[in-house]
Protein backbone atom coordinates (compact mmCIF):
# COMPACT_ATOMS: atom_id res chain seq x y z
CA MET A 1 168.65 123.86 82.64
CA GLY A 2 165.78 125.71 84.29
CA LYS A 3 165.27 125.21 88.00
CA VAL A 4 161.63 124.90 88.98
CA ASN A 5 159.90 124.29 92.30
CA SER A 6 158.45 120.80 92.17
CA ILE A 7 156.86 118.16 94.38
CA THR A 8 159.24 115.22 94.08
CA SER A 9 159.91 111.70 95.27
CA PRO A 10 163.08 109.58 94.88
CA ALA A 11 161.06 106.79 93.29
CA PRO A 12 160.78 103.95 94.01
CA LYS A 13 162.36 104.48 97.45
CA GLY A 14 159.53 106.63 98.80
CA GLY A 15 159.51 110.03 100.44
CA VAL A 16 158.36 113.45 99.28
CA SER A 17 159.85 116.96 99.08
CA TYR A 18 158.95 120.36 97.71
CA LYS A 19 162.17 121.66 96.20
CA GLN A 20 163.86 123.04 93.13
CA ILE A 21 165.06 120.60 90.52
CA SER A 22 166.77 121.34 87.21
CA ILE A 23 164.63 120.33 84.25
CA GLU A 24 165.18 121.72 80.76
CA TYR A 25 161.86 122.85 79.32
CA GLU A 26 162.34 126.39 77.95
CA ASN A 27 162.66 125.19 74.34
CA MET A 28 159.51 123.04 74.44
CA PRO A 29 156.75 124.11 72.01
CA VAL A 30 154.20 124.76 74.77
CA ILE A 31 154.90 126.18 78.24
CA LEU A 32 152.36 125.45 80.96
CA LYS A 33 151.56 126.41 84.52
CA PRO A 34 149.39 124.03 86.56
CA VAL A 35 146.14 125.38 87.97
CA TYR A 36 145.24 122.28 89.98
CA THR A 37 146.93 118.92 90.27
CA GLY A 38 145.02 116.03 91.79
CA ILE A 39 146.30 113.59 94.39
CA CYS A 40 145.39 109.93 94.10
CA GLY A 41 146.38 106.58 95.53
CA THR A 42 149.17 106.21 92.97
CA ASP A 43 150.87 109.40 94.20
CA ARG A 44 150.58 108.25 97.80
CA GLY A 45 151.81 104.78 96.86
CA ILE A 46 154.96 106.26 95.29
CA VAL A 47 155.57 108.47 98.33
CA ASN A 48 155.06 105.50 100.65
CA GLY A 49 157.51 103.39 98.63
CA ALA A 50 154.79 100.84 97.87
CA LEU A 51 154.96 101.06 94.06
CA GLN A 52 158.18 99.45 92.93
CA PHE A 53 157.31 99.94 89.26
CA ALA A 54 157.69 103.74 89.64
CA TYR A 55 161.06 105.14 88.59
CA CYS A 56 162.84 108.42 87.89
CA PRO A 57 163.75 109.74 84.43
CA PRO A 58 167.28 108.86 83.24
CA GLY A 59 169.90 110.99 84.96
CA TYR A 60 167.61 112.07 87.82
CA SER A 61 167.48 110.90 91.42
CA ASP A 62 164.07 112.52 91.91
CA LEU A 63 160.79 112.19 90.06
CA ALA A 64 158.44 115.17 89.80
CA LEU A 65 155.07 113.75 90.83
CA GLY A 66 151.62 114.45 89.41
CA HIS A 67 149.51 112.90 86.66
CA GLU A 68 146.10 114.51 87.28
CA SER A 69 146.18 118.13 86.18
CA ILE A 70 144.50 121.08 84.56
CA CYS A 71 146.92 123.74 83.34
CA LYS A 72 147.04 127.17 81.75
CA VAL A 73 149.07 127.73 78.59
CA VAL A 74 151.74 130.39 79.20
CA SER A 75 153.01 130.36 75.63
CA ALA A 76 152.70 128.29 72.46
CA LYS A 77 155.12 128.55 69.54
CA SER A 78 152.32 127.77 67.11
CA ASN A 79 148.57 127.15 67.25
CA GLU A 80 149.02 123.50 66.29
CA PHE A 81 146.10 121.39 67.57
CA GLY A 82 144.36 124.69 68.37
CA ILE A 83 146.49 125.34 71.47
CA ARG A 84 147.02 129.03 72.19
CA SER A 85 148.36 131.17 75.01
CA GLY A 86 145.79 131.55 77.79
CA ASP A 87 144.00 128.26 77.06
CA LEU A 88 143.11 125.78 79.76
CA VAL A 89 144.37 122.31 78.89
CA VAL A 90 144.62 118.82 80.35
CA PRO A 91 147.91 116.98 79.63
CA GLN A 92 147.82 113.29 78.77
CA VAL A 93 149.63 111.06 81.23
CA ARG A 94 150.80 108.11 79.18
CA ARG A 95 153.24 108.69 76.33
CA PRO A 96 153.62 106.11 73.57
CA GLY A 97 156.32 103.53 73.10
CA LYS A 98 157.10 101.63 69.91
CA CYS A 99 154.43 98.90 69.75
CA LEU A 100 151.61 98.89 67.20
CA ASN A 101 148.99 99.96 69.75
CA CYS A 102 151.11 102.94 70.77
CA ALA A 103 151.75 103.84 67.13
CA THR A 104 148.00 103.96 66.44
CA GLY A 105 146.98 106.14 69.38
CA ARG A 106 146.19 103.36 71.86
CA SER A 107 149.11 103.57 74.28
CA ASP A 108 146.58 102.63 76.99
CA ASN A 109 146.83 99.14 75.47
CA CYS A 110 150.63 99.19 75.14
CA SER A 111 151.68 95.64 74.30
CA ASP A 112 155.40 95.75 75.09
CA GLY A 113 155.52 98.01 78.15
CA ASP A 114 157.81 100.51 76.41
CA LYS A 115 155.80 103.60 77.36
CA HIS A 116 156.16 106.29 79.99
CA GLU A 117 153.66 107.80 82.41
CA ALA A 118 154.08 111.33 83.68
CA GLY A 119 154.82 111.42 87.39
CA ILE A 120 154.98 107.63 87.59
CA THR A 121 157.36 105.83 85.23
CA GLY A 122 160.43 107.55 83.82
CA MET A 123 158.84 110.91 83.01
CA HIS A 124 158.51 113.99 85.20
CA GLY A 125 154.95 114.76 86.18
CA PHE A 126 152.86 117.90 86.37
CA MET A 127 153.46 118.96 89.98
CA ARG A 128 155.86 121.69 88.88
CA GLU A 129 155.38 125.43 88.98
CA GLU A 130 156.07 125.51 85.24
CA PHE A 131 156.87 122.90 82.59
CA GLY A 132 156.93 122.27 78.87
CA ASP A 133 155.02 119.83 76.70
CA TYR A 134 154.02 118.99 73.14
CA PRO A 135 150.66 120.18 71.74
CA GLU A 136 149.64 116.71 70.54
CA TYR A 137 149.46 115.56 74.17
CA LEU A 138 147.28 118.44 75.35
CA LEU A 139 143.45 118.39 75.49
CA LYS A 140 141.90 121.82 75.21
CA VAL A 141 139.24 122.66 77.81
CA SER A 142 136.52 124.42 75.87
CA SER A 143 134.67 125.95 78.84
CA ASP A 144 136.07 127.88 81.78
CA SER A 145 133.04 126.68 83.76
CA ILE A 146 134.81 123.40 84.51
CA ARG A 147 138.09 124.98 85.66
CA GLU A 148 137.53 123.60 89.19
CA VAL A 149 136.51 120.08 88.16
CA GLY A 150 138.73 119.78 85.09
CA VAL A 151 141.33 118.09 87.25
CA LEU A 152 138.95 115.10 87.30
CA THR A 153 139.47 114.57 83.56
CA GLU A 154 142.37 112.16 84.07
CA PRO A 155 140.61 109.83 86.54
CA LEU A 156 137.39 110.05 84.52
CA LYS A 157 139.16 108.99 81.33
CA ASN A 158 139.84 105.66 83.07
CA VAL A 159 136.09 105.26 83.53
CA GLU A 160 135.42 106.13 79.89
CA LYS A 161 137.88 103.48 78.72
CA ALA A 162 136.43 100.83 81.06
CA PHE A 163 132.92 101.45 79.73
CA GLU A 164 134.19 101.24 76.16
CA VAL A 165 135.46 97.75 76.98
CA TYR A 166 132.18 96.96 78.77
CA GLU A 167 130.22 97.87 75.64
CA VAL A 168 132.30 95.44 73.59
CA ALA A 169 131.94 92.66 76.19
CA SER A 170 128.19 93.14 76.68
CA ARG A 171 127.48 92.62 72.98
CA ARG A 172 128.04 88.90 73.37
CA SER A 173 124.47 88.53 74.69
CA ILE A 174 121.27 90.55 74.97
CA SER A 175 122.24 92.76 77.89
CA THR A 176 119.21 95.06 78.00
CA ASP A 177 115.94 94.49 79.85
CA ARG A 178 112.39 93.95 78.55
CA PHE A 179 112.15 97.67 77.77
CA GLY A 180 115.28 97.58 75.64
CA SER A 181 117.08 99.67 78.25
CA LEU A 182 119.12 99.10 81.43
CA SER A 183 116.48 100.46 83.81
CA GLU A 184 115.89 97.03 85.34
CA LYS A 185 119.58 96.12 85.44
CA ARG A 186 121.63 96.55 88.61
CA ALA A 187 125.16 97.90 88.93
CA ILE A 188 127.27 97.88 92.10
CA VAL A 189 130.39 100.00 92.59
CA ILE A 190 132.76 98.84 95.33
CA GLY A 191 134.57 101.68 97.11
CA THR A 192 133.80 105.30 97.96
CA GLY A 193 136.82 107.18 96.62
CA SER A 194 136.67 109.75 93.84
CA GLU A 195 137.04 107.14 91.10
CA ALA A 196 134.11 105.15 92.54
CA PHE A 197 131.89 108.24 92.43
CA LEU A 198 132.81 108.84 88.79
CA TYR A 199 132.01 105.22 87.96
CA ALA A 200 128.65 105.61 89.72
CA LEU A 201 127.79 108.70 87.68
CA LYS A 202 128.63 106.85 84.48
CA CYS A 203 126.44 103.90 85.54
CA ARG A 204 123.56 106.33 86.03
CA ASP A 205 124.19 107.77 82.55
CA TYR A 206 123.76 104.28 81.14
CA GLY A 207 120.49 103.88 83.04
CA PHE A 208 121.53 101.24 85.60
CA GLN A 209 119.93 101.02 89.01
CA THR A 210 123.16 101.99 90.73
CA LEU A 211 124.40 101.21 94.22
CA ILE A 212 127.75 102.00 95.82
CA THR A 213 129.15 100.12 98.79
CA ASN A 214 131.97 100.03 101.30
CA ARG A 215 132.68 98.45 104.67
CA HIS A 216 132.03 101.64 106.61
CA PRO A 217 129.40 104.40 106.58
CA VAL A 218 129.90 107.59 104.57
CA ASP A 219 129.60 111.18 105.72
CA ASP A 220 126.77 113.61 104.96
CA LEU A 221 128.61 115.32 102.08
CA LYS A 222 129.03 112.05 100.23
CA MET A 223 125.42 111.06 100.92
CA LYS A 224 124.15 114.37 99.52
CA PHE A 225 126.17 113.81 96.37
CA LEU A 226 124.87 110.26 95.98
CA ASP A 227 121.28 111.36 96.59
CA ALA A 228 121.60 114.03 93.90
CA ALA A 229 122.91 111.42 91.46
CA GLY A 230 120.22 108.85 92.33
CA VAL A 231 122.76 106.37 93.72
CA GLU A 232 122.08 104.25 96.80
CA PHE A 233 124.75 103.51 99.41
CA PHE A 234 125.02 100.58 101.78
CA ASP A 235 127.62 99.20 104.17
CA TYR A 236 128.11 95.63 103.00
CA THR A 237 129.28 94.49 106.44
CA LYS A 238 125.84 95.34 107.83
CA GLU A 239 123.41 95.07 104.91
CA HIS A 240 122.80 92.72 102.01
CA ARG A 241 121.33 94.15 98.83
CA ASP A 242 122.23 91.32 96.47
CA SER A 243 119.06 89.23 96.54
CA LYS A 244 118.41 90.16 92.89
CA GLY A 245 122.05 89.76 91.91
CA TRP A 246 124.28 92.14 89.98
CA ASP A 247 124.48 92.69 86.24
CA LEU A 248 127.55 94.90 86.44
CA VAL A 249 130.12 94.83 89.24
CA ILE A 250 132.82 97.53 89.32
CA ASP A 251 135.63 97.25 91.84
CA THR A 252 137.79 100.23 92.80
CA SER A 253 139.15 98.71 96.02
CA GLY A 254 141.51 96.03 94.75
CA ASP A 255 140.50 93.80 97.66
CA PRO A 256 140.23 90.16 96.50
CA GLY A 257 137.85 89.08 99.27
CA THR A 258 135.36 91.85 98.53
CA ILE A 259 135.54 91.21 94.79
CA LEU A 260 134.89 87.51 95.32
CA ARG A 261 131.91 88.27 97.55
CA PHE A 262 130.15 90.23 94.81
CA LEU A 263 131.34 87.95 92.01
CA ARG A 264 129.40 85.14 93.68
CA LYS A 265 126.22 87.22 93.34
CA THR A 266 126.70 88.23 89.71
CA ASN A 267 123.84 87.36 87.35
CA ASN A 268 124.02 85.31 84.17
CA ASN A 269 125.93 87.16 81.42
CA GLY A 270 127.11 89.69 83.98
CA ASN A 271 130.24 91.80 83.63
CA ILE A 272 132.85 92.53 86.29
CA ILE A 273 135.20 95.50 85.80
CA LEU A 274 138.39 95.26 87.85
CA PHE A 275 139.96 98.69 88.21
CA GLY A 276 141.29 99.00 91.77
CA THR A 277 144.80 97.76 92.58
CA ASN A 278 146.12 96.83 95.99
CA GLY A 279 149.24 94.68 95.94
CA LYS A 280 149.25 94.45 99.73
CA ALA A 281 145.70 93.09 100.04
CA PRO A 282 145.51 89.69 101.74
CA ALA A 283 145.13 86.59 99.59
CA THR A 284 141.66 85.10 99.23
CA GLY A 285 140.91 81.53 98.25
CA ILE A 286 139.03 80.84 95.05
CA ASP A 287 137.74 77.30 94.69
CA GLY A 288 136.37 75.07 91.95
CA GLN A 289 132.80 76.14 92.65
CA ASP A 290 133.78 79.75 91.96
CA ILE A 291 135.31 78.76 88.62
CA ASP A 292 132.17 76.77 87.80
CA TYR A 293 130.02 79.79 88.75
CA ILE A 294 131.93 82.07 86.35
CA ILE A 295 131.85 79.57 83.49
CA GLU A 296 128.26 78.37 83.83
CA ARG A 297 126.90 81.93 83.99
CA ASN A 298 129.03 83.33 81.16
CA ILE A 299 130.46 85.99 83.47
CA PHE A 300 132.95 88.31 81.78
CA LEU A 301 135.94 89.62 83.80
CA ILE A 302 137.36 92.93 82.52
CA GLY A 303 140.68 94.34 83.66
CA SER A 304 141.06 97.96 82.61
CA VAL A 305 143.74 100.61 83.04
CA ASP A 306 144.42 104.07 81.62
CA GLY A 307 142.77 105.56 78.53
CA ALA A 308 143.57 107.04 75.12
CA ARG A 309 143.08 110.56 73.82
CA VAL A 310 139.50 109.75 72.81
CA HIS A 311 138.72 108.91 76.43
CA TYR A 312 140.07 112.26 77.63
CA GLU A 313 137.81 113.92 75.06
CA ARG A 314 134.78 111.98 76.30
CA ALA A 315 135.70 112.80 79.89
CA LEU A 316 135.76 116.53 79.16
CA GLN A 317 132.38 116.27 77.45
CA ASP A 318 130.91 114.41 80.42
CA LEU A 319 132.34 116.91 82.90
CA GLU A 320 130.73 119.78 81.03
CA ARG A 321 127.39 117.95 80.94
CA TRP A 322 127.57 116.86 84.59
CA ASN A 323 128.57 120.37 85.62
CA ALA A 324 125.38 121.66 84.01
CA GLN A 325 123.34 118.81 85.52
CA TYR A 326 124.74 118.66 89.07
CA GLY A 327 126.43 122.07 89.49
CA ASP A 328 127.81 122.49 93.00
CA ARG A 329 127.25 118.81 93.73
CA LEU A 330 129.90 117.94 91.13
CA LYS A 331 132.24 120.56 92.56
CA SER A 332 131.76 118.98 95.99
CA LEU A 333 133.91 116.06 94.82
CA ILE A 334 136.88 118.42 95.34
CA THR A 335 136.90 118.32 99.13
CA HIS A 336 140.39 119.56 100.04
CA ARG A 337 142.83 122.10 98.59
CA PHE A 338 146.48 122.31 99.60
CA SER A 339 149.42 124.55 98.74
CA PRO A 340 152.39 122.97 96.93
CA GLN A 341 154.48 123.33 100.08
CA ASP A 342 152.08 121.24 102.18
CA THR A 343 153.41 117.81 101.33
CA SER A 344 151.79 116.22 104.40
CA VAL A 345 148.76 115.44 102.20
CA PHE A 346 150.79 112.64 100.61
CA THR A 347 151.34 110.81 103.90
CA LYS A 348 147.98 111.27 105.59
CA LYS A 349 144.45 111.22 104.28
CA ASP A 350 141.45 112.92 105.82
CA PRO A 351 138.59 110.40 106.29
CA LEU A 352 136.26 112.96 104.68
CA GLU A 353 138.38 113.24 101.52
CA ILE A 354 136.87 112.52 98.14
CA LYS A 355 139.44 114.32 96.01
CA SER A 356 142.31 116.46 97.28
CA VAL A 357 144.11 118.83 94.94
CA ILE A 358 147.19 121.03 94.95
CA ASP A 359 146.13 124.60 94.24
CA TRP A 360 149.11 126.27 92.52
CA SER A 361 147.77 129.75 93.22
CA MET A 362 148.24 129.26 96.97
């Protein structure tokens, strides 16, 4: 057993520590060192004891956290899948179970729940000073130019998968405008976290008039990013921008009341992507008129989680393109960097945070 410094939590009890744990990895085909590991609401939920579905690997009382990562290959026993020593790679989070979807490369649509997620359910994550993995679960980063933003690959792959589902759903009717495009169609993204910003960028790629909203104002850094991307912001507690309705609603908040508010302003044949989760959000009443509204307008509700290898590949392609298009504006999504020892980031969040990362060189 090799002892490695790791950021751990005794899931699902909650708590966080930076300590050595014994994990055998020396005989794995690829040895990796993390460059950056991202921190998201799932990590904080595990640390806060709010995610009862999280659990430790068999035989362990601690779970190494971390599912957003960009790593450097220390050694590779072969060049299978083109992985070589010195490469930058992004590890996949979800590992397949035994169902047909998992067996055909779509563990994001696992149908029996018999899968594992690194740093979340029964599999140690990537917040370790060194670890081993299999080459088939590693995505090679082709350009060193996205070293800083490559940690966004994992959250962006969720966006790629959601838009794949949107494309299938939107085929049920003519979803374009009179120009055969989406330039007259309106998309609203609820929330102002890192995932919401990635969704907004993807909406702009599709050509939507894109707005992003929350129930509080945003700081200058976020406004500069949104301006560069051509995205409007408004505080929905003070302004109303829904007189023309919404053709695509994307929720990253998980708040039922907010979702219902924008659902009631969704246009005919509109699509609603539900991505945010918040099990502690207060209940909100939905009545018969709401059901009638959804049915009579052919509104499509899409629940989406995780992504497959193809979505990681698309995410890396988009990050390279956006890095060329937005440059430092894209890098500005990484607002805070912490050392592995500074575990306070898991229990408190700076109001100015977009994305915080652990910098393993610190």
